[in-house]
Structures are given as structure tokens and as C-alpha cells.
């Protein structure tokens, strides 16, 4: 009963800039870049903030203005990217998981990863299981969406996929 009587909060994304005021104060973690929880990367982003802050501190010492400027320039593209990825993942889970064409694309995506593991790593795996920049995962995901759209345009089953065309598309976009 108490569960239903407690207020619910809103899930928000925060994209602000600048993250600092002069050389006086710096926002980090959710204060600078809160994201919705649909990729489970919020804490990872905060840990990355700590790592990058430490690296900037080693380079700049107590020159706070330069440290803050560099820190934000290094982190903001990736925190904006994971915010976009998390929202995309929410929309995917909310709207697409029952769509047969979407499910076909997911099957083709899995087949691409199995057939071309050195070239094709799905966006979800890039974000969740790899240590690369979120901005790179976002860009690769856009390319993957295009490739999957091309491969699934005229098929109804994964067995109908043209793997020669897939290899050609992968080489065109990734090499």
C-alpha cells in the first residue's frame, strides 16, 4: 500500500554548458549530464568523469580554468552521445519490440555480428560491453541502422539476407 502512496519522480536528461563557472566550481556526474536509465550507463559516466578529471588534474595541476575547459571539451561529446543513446534505447523498447520488421533487423544484426565479428559490433554491445567513446558508438549505430535498413529492405526472414551485399556494405562504411 505504501508503494502506491509514494510520489513518483520524473526521469530527465540534463545537457548543460558550461559545466563550470570561471575557475571556481565545476559540475560533474549527474549535475552536469544526467541521463535516463535506459542504457544503465549513468554510474559509468560518473566514473569516467573521475578518470578524465584526474588525467586533466595531472596535466594542469591547480590551473583550474584550463583544467575545467579541457575536462568539459573531452567529456561533453560523449555525455551528450550517451544521453541520446539512452533516449533511443527507451523509444526502441517502448515502441519497436513488437514490430516484425524491427525484430527482423535484430536477427540480421546478430547474424552480422556472428559472420563479421571483426567489423560489426552492434551499438548495444559497443555501449554496454566495450570501453570505447559513447560518441563513437552513436556514430557507428547510425551507420549500422543504414546497413540494416539496406539489408532488410526486401526480405522477410534472416535466411534471405544477401551476405555478399552485407560484406560490401560493411567494407564500404568501415574501412
Foldseek 3Di string as FASTA:
>chain_A
DVVVVDDDDDQDWAADPDQDDALPDGDAQCVHTGAGCQLVCRVVRRVVLVVLLVVLCVVPPSPRRSSSVVSCVVRNLQSVLVRVVSVVSVCCVVPPPVPQLVVQLVVLLVVCCVVPVVQRDQLSCCSRPHDDGSNVSSVVNVLSVVLSCVQSVPDRHSVPGDVVVSVVSSVVPGD
